[in-house]
Each structure stands twice: as structure tokens, then as C-alpha cells.
């Protein structure tokens, strides 16, 4: 099982801070995961409506959407960060 962690408005829209999922073998990349999650219901679809802006970390390292997720213990999803 893979732990998914959600932050900021991604967490608010999905309605939970984390969950564990058994990822299907067809889910190979971050992009595949985001597409799969959007199919899980309105909350996910709303949170990931603009999936290109969602930032992702695998095992606490930032990755691009084409990154493979094989061997991931934790995948974090969060909105773009702003600084100041």
C-alpha cells in the first residue's frame, strides 16, 4: 500500500489529509496517479481539476508528473507554493 498525503486546498477539497491505496499496476507515473484519483469522485475531481499545477513529492522529494511511482512509500500532493 502507498500512503497518499494531501496538503492545503487539495486536502480541503478532498476532505481528508491522508489515505492508503493499493495502486493498480497500470498506474506507472505521477500523471497516471492524478488521472486515477480524479476518477474517484467529485471531491478528487475538484481538487485535481487543474492537475498541471499540482506539486508532487515522492518519499519527500519533489518530482515532475512524468516521474515513475514504483517503490513509493509516500506520495504527497499539494498546490503551488508562493513565497514572500
N, C-alpha and C. Protein backbone atom coordinates (compact mmCIF):
# COMPACT_ATOMS: atom_id res chain seq x y z
N UNK A 1 0.83 -1.18 0.00
CA UNK A 1 0.00 0.00 0.00
C UNK A 1 0.88 1.25 0.00
N UNK A 2 0.36 2.28 -0.62
CA UNK A 2 1.07 3.54 -0.71
C UNK A 2 0.30 4.60 0.07
N UNK A 3 1.01 5.36 0.85
CA UNK A 3 0.39 6.43 1.62
C UNK A 3 0.32 7.68 0.75
N UNK A 4 -0.88 8.24 0.62
CA UNK A 4 -1.07 9.50 -0.09
C UNK A 4 -1.36 10.56 0.96
N UNK A 5 -0.67 11.69 0.85
CA UNK A 5 -0.82 12.79 1.80
C UNK A 5 -1.24 14.02 1.00
N UNK A 6 -2.26 14.72 1.52
CA UNK A 6 -2.80 15.88 0.83
C UNK A 6 -2.60 17.13 1.69
N UNK A 7 -2.24 18.24 1.05
CA UNK A 7 -1.97 19.48 1.78
C UNK A 7 -2.82 20.64 1.26
N UNK A 8 -3.03 21.61 2.14
CA UNK A 8 -3.69 22.89 1.83
C UNK A 8 -5.05 22.67 1.17
N UNK A 9 -5.34 23.40 0.09
CA UNK A 9 -6.67 23.28 -0.50
C UNK A 9 -6.91 21.94 -1.18
N UNK A 10 -5.86 21.20 -1.50
CA UNK A 10 -6.07 19.84 -2.02
C UNK A 10 -6.72 19.01 -0.92
N UNK A 11 -6.20 19.10 0.29
CA UNK A 11 -6.77 18.38 1.45
C UNK A 11 -8.19 18.84 1.72
N UNK A 12 -8.41 20.15 1.70
CA UNK A 12 -9.74 20.68 1.99
C UNK A 12 -10.78 20.19 0.99
N UNK A 13 -10.43 20.16 -0.28
CA UNK A 13 -11.40 19.74 -1.30
C UNK A 13 -11.65 18.24 -1.27
N UNK A 14 -10.61 17.46 -1.01
CA UNK A 14 -10.79 16.00 -0.95
C UNK A 14 -11.49 15.61 0.35
N UNK A 15 -11.23 16.36 1.42
CA UNK A 15 -11.90 16.09 2.68
C UNK A 15 -11.15 15.17 3.62
N UNK A 16 -9.87 14.94 3.34
CA UNK A 16 -9.03 14.12 4.21
C UNK A 16 -7.57 14.50 4.01
N UNK A 17 -6.78 14.29 5.04
CA UNK A 17 -5.37 14.65 4.99
C UNK A 17 -4.48 13.56 4.43
N UNK A 18 -4.94 12.33 4.55
CA UNK A 18 -4.14 11.21 4.03
C UNK A 18 -5.01 9.98 3.87
N UNK A 19 -4.48 9.05 3.11
CA UNK A 19 -5.14 7.75 2.92
C UNK A 19 -4.12 6.78 2.36
N UNK A 20 -4.44 5.51 2.46
CA UNK A 20 -3.59 4.46 1.91
C UNK A 20 -4.33 3.80 0.75
N UNK A 21 -3.60 3.60 -0.35
CA UNK A 21 -4.20 2.97 -1.54
C UNK A 21 -3.31 1.85 -2.05
N UNK A 22 -3.97 0.81 -2.54
CA UNK A 22 -3.28 -0.21 -3.33
C UNK A 22 -3.32 0.29 -4.76
N UNK A 23 -2.18 0.62 -5.31
CA UNK A 23 -2.14 1.18 -6.66
C UNK A 23 -2.11 0.06 -7.70
N UNK A 24 -2.97 0.19 -8.68
CA UNK A 24 -3.05 -0.80 -9.75
C UNK A 24 -1.76 -0.76 -10.58
N UNK A 25 -1.38 -1.89 -11.17
CA UNK A 25 -0.16 -1.93 -11.98
C UNK A 25 -0.17 -0.95 -13.16
N UNK A 26 -1.35 -0.55 -13.60
CA UNK A 26 -1.44 0.38 -14.73
C UNK A 26 -1.08 1.81 -14.32
N UNK A 27 -0.97 2.07 -13.03
CA UNK A 27 -0.59 3.40 -12.54
C UNK A 27 0.92 3.42 -12.40
N UNK A 28 1.58 3.97 -13.41
CA UNK A 28 3.03 3.91 -13.51
C UNK A 28 3.70 5.24 -13.15
N UNK A 29 3.08 6.35 -13.53
CA UNK A 29 3.66 7.67 -13.31
C UNK A 29 2.77 8.52 -12.41
N UNK A 30 3.29 9.64 -12.00
CA UNK A 30 2.50 10.60 -11.23
C UNK A 30 1.27 11.01 -12.02
N UNK A 31 1.44 11.27 -13.30
CA UNK A 31 0.31 11.65 -14.16
C UNK A 31 -0.78 10.58 -14.14
N UNK A 32 -0.38 9.31 -14.22
CA UNK A 32 -1.35 8.21 -14.15
C UNK A 32 -2.10 8.24 -12.82
N UNK A 33 -1.37 8.51 -11.74
CA UNK A 33 -1.99 8.56 -10.41
C UNK A 33 -3.01 9.70 -10.34
N UNK A 34 -2.64 10.88 -10.82
CA UNK A 34 -3.55 12.01 -10.76
C UNK A 34 -4.81 11.74 -11.58
N UNK A 35 -4.66 11.14 -12.74
CA UNK A 35 -5.81 10.79 -13.57
C UNK A 35 -6.70 9.78 -12.85
N UNK A 36 -6.07 8.78 -12.23
CA UNK A 36 -6.82 7.77 -11.47
C UNK A 36 -7.59 8.41 -10.31
N UNK A 37 -6.92 9.28 -9.57
CA UNK A 37 -7.58 9.91 -8.42
C UNK A 37 -8.78 10.74 -8.85
N UNK A 38 -8.67 11.43 -9.97
CA UNK A 38 -9.79 12.24 -10.44
C UNK A 38 -11.03 11.40 -10.71
N UNK A 39 -10.85 10.12 -10.98
CA UNK A 39 -11.98 9.24 -11.26
C UNK A 39 -12.64 8.70 -9.98
N UNK A 40 -12.11 9.07 -8.82
CA UNK A 40 -12.62 8.53 -7.55
C UNK A 40 -13.77 9.31 -6.96
N UNK A 41 -14.21 10.37 -7.61
CA UNK A 41 -15.36 11.11 -7.09
C UNK A 41 -15.21 12.61 -7.26
N UNK A 42 -16.30 13.30 -6.97
CA UNK A 42 -16.36 14.76 -7.15
C UNK A 42 -15.29 15.49 -6.36
N UNK A 43 -15.02 15.04 -5.13
CA UNK A 43 -14.04 15.72 -4.30
C UNK A 43 -12.67 15.71 -4.95
N UNK A 44 -12.29 14.55 -5.45
CA UNK A 44 -10.98 14.42 -6.11
C UNK A 44 -10.96 15.21 -7.41
N UNK A 45 -12.04 15.13 -8.15
CA UNK A 45 -12.11 15.85 -9.42
C UNK A 45 -11.97 17.35 -9.19
N UNK A 46 -12.60 17.85 -8.15
CA UNK A 46 -12.50 19.27 -7.81
C UNK A 46 -11.08 19.64 -7.39
N UNK A 47 -10.48 18.83 -6.55
CA UNK A 47 -9.14 19.11 -6.04
C UNK A 47 -8.09 19.06 -7.14
N UNK A 48 -8.30 18.20 -8.12
CA UNK A 48 -7.30 17.97 -9.17
C UNK A 48 -7.74 18.49 -10.52
N UNK A 49 -8.71 19.39 -10.51
CA UNK A 49 -9.26 19.93 -11.76
C UNK A 49 -8.16 20.48 -12.67
N UNK A 50 -7.21 21.18 -12.08
CA UNK A 50 -6.08 21.72 -12.83
C UNK A 50 -4.82 20.96 -12.42
N UNK A 51 -4.77 19.70 -12.83
CA UNK A 51 -3.71 18.83 -12.32
C UNK A 51 -2.31 19.28 -12.71
N UNK A 52 -2.18 20.10 -13.74
CA UNK A 52 -0.85 20.57 -14.13
C UNK A 52 -0.20 21.45 -13.07
N UNK A 53 -1.00 22.09 -12.21
CA UNK A 53 -0.43 22.97 -11.19
C UNK A 53 -0.15 22.24 -9.88
N UNK A 54 -0.63 21.02 -9.75
CA UNK A 54 -0.42 20.25 -8.52
C UNK A 54 1.06 19.86 -8.42
N UNK A 55 1.64 20.14 -7.28
CA UNK A 55 3.02 19.75 -7.00
C UNK A 55 2.99 18.38 -6.32
N UNK A 56 4.03 17.59 -6.56
CA UNK A 56 4.06 16.22 -6.05
C UNK A 56 5.44 15.92 -5.47
N UNK A 57 5.43 15.19 -4.36
CA UNK A 57 6.67 14.69 -3.78
C UNK A 57 6.51 13.19 -3.56
N UNK A 58 7.53 12.46 -3.95
CA UNK A 58 7.57 11.02 -3.70
C UNK A 58 8.66 10.77 -2.67
N UNK A 59 8.27 10.12 -1.58
CA UNK A 59 9.21 9.86 -0.48
C UNK A 59 9.95 11.14 -0.09
N UNK A 60 9.20 12.25 -0.04
CA UNK A 60 9.66 13.57 0.41
C UNK A 60 10.64 14.25 -0.54
N UNK A 61 10.63 13.87 -1.81
CA UNK A 61 11.43 14.54 -2.83
C UNK A 61 10.52 15.01 -3.94
N UNK A 62 10.62 16.29 -4.29
CA UNK A 62 9.80 16.85 -5.36
C UNK A 62 10.11 16.15 -6.68
N UNK A 63 9.04 15.85 -7.43
CA UNK A 63 9.19 15.17 -8.72
C UNK A 63 8.27 15.82 -9.75
N UNK A 64 8.55 15.56 -11.00
CA UNK A 64 7.69 16.01 -12.10
C UNK A 64 6.57 15.00 -12.31
N UNK A 65 5.60 15.37 -13.08
CA UNK A 65 4.44 14.50 -13.31
C UNK A 65 4.76 13.26 -14.15
N UNK A 66 5.89 13.25 -14.84
CA UNK A 66 6.25 12.07 -15.62
C UNK A 66 7.12 11.09 -14.82
N UNK A 67 7.34 11.40 -13.55
CA UNK A 67 8.18 10.54 -12.70
C UNK A 67 7.48 9.22 -12.41
N UNK A 68 8.25 8.13 -12.39
CA UNK A 68 7.66 6.83 -12.03
C UNK A 68 7.37 6.77 -10.54
N UNK A 69 6.31 6.04 -10.18
CA UNK A 69 5.94 5.95 -8.76
C UNK A 69 6.28 4.58 -8.16
N UNK A 70 6.87 3.72 -8.96
CA UNK A 70 7.22 2.39 -8.46
C UNK A 70 8.11 2.50 -7.22
N UNK A 71 7.76 1.77 -6.19
CA UNK A 71 8.54 1.77 -4.96
C UNK A 71 8.23 2.92 -4.01
N UNK A 72 7.25 3.75 -4.37
CA UNK A 72 6.92 4.89 -3.50
C UNK A 72 6.22 4.41 -2.24
N UNK A 73 6.69 4.87 -1.10
CA UNK A 73 6.03 4.58 0.17
C UNK A 73 5.05 5.69 0.51
N UNK A 74 5.41 6.92 0.10
CA UNK A 74 4.56 8.07 0.38
C UNK A 74 4.56 9.00 -0.82
N UNK A 75 3.37 9.46 -1.20
CA UNK A 75 3.22 10.43 -2.28
C UNK A 75 2.41 11.58 -1.73
N UNK A 76 2.98 12.78 -1.79
CA UNK A 76 2.30 13.97 -1.27
C UNK A 76 1.85 14.85 -2.44
N UNK A 77 0.64 15.36 -2.32
CA UNK A 77 0.07 16.25 -3.34
C UNK A 77 -0.25 17.59 -2.68
N UNK A 78 0.18 18.67 -3.32
CA UNK A 78 -0.08 19.99 -2.75
C UNK A 78 -0.15 21.03 -3.86
N UNK A 79 -0.81 22.14 -3.57
CA UNK A 79 -0.93 23.19 -4.57
C UNK A 79 0.39 23.94 -4.72
N UNK A 80 0.48 24.80 -5.73
CA UNK A 80 1.71 25.57 -5.91
C UNK A 80 2.00 26.39 -4.65
N UNK A 81 3.28 26.55 -4.36
CA UNK A 81 3.67 27.32 -3.20
C UNK A 81 3.98 28.75 -3.64
N UNK A 82 3.65 29.67 -2.78
CA UNK A 82 4.01 31.05 -3.05
C UNK A 82 4.95 31.52 -1.95
N UNK A 83 5.76 32.44 -2.30
CA UNK A 83 6.72 32.94 -1.32
C UNK A 83 6.51 34.41 -1.06
N UNK A 84 7.22 34.89 -0.14
CA UNK A 84 7.09 36.30 0.15
C UNK A 84 8.07 36.75 1.19
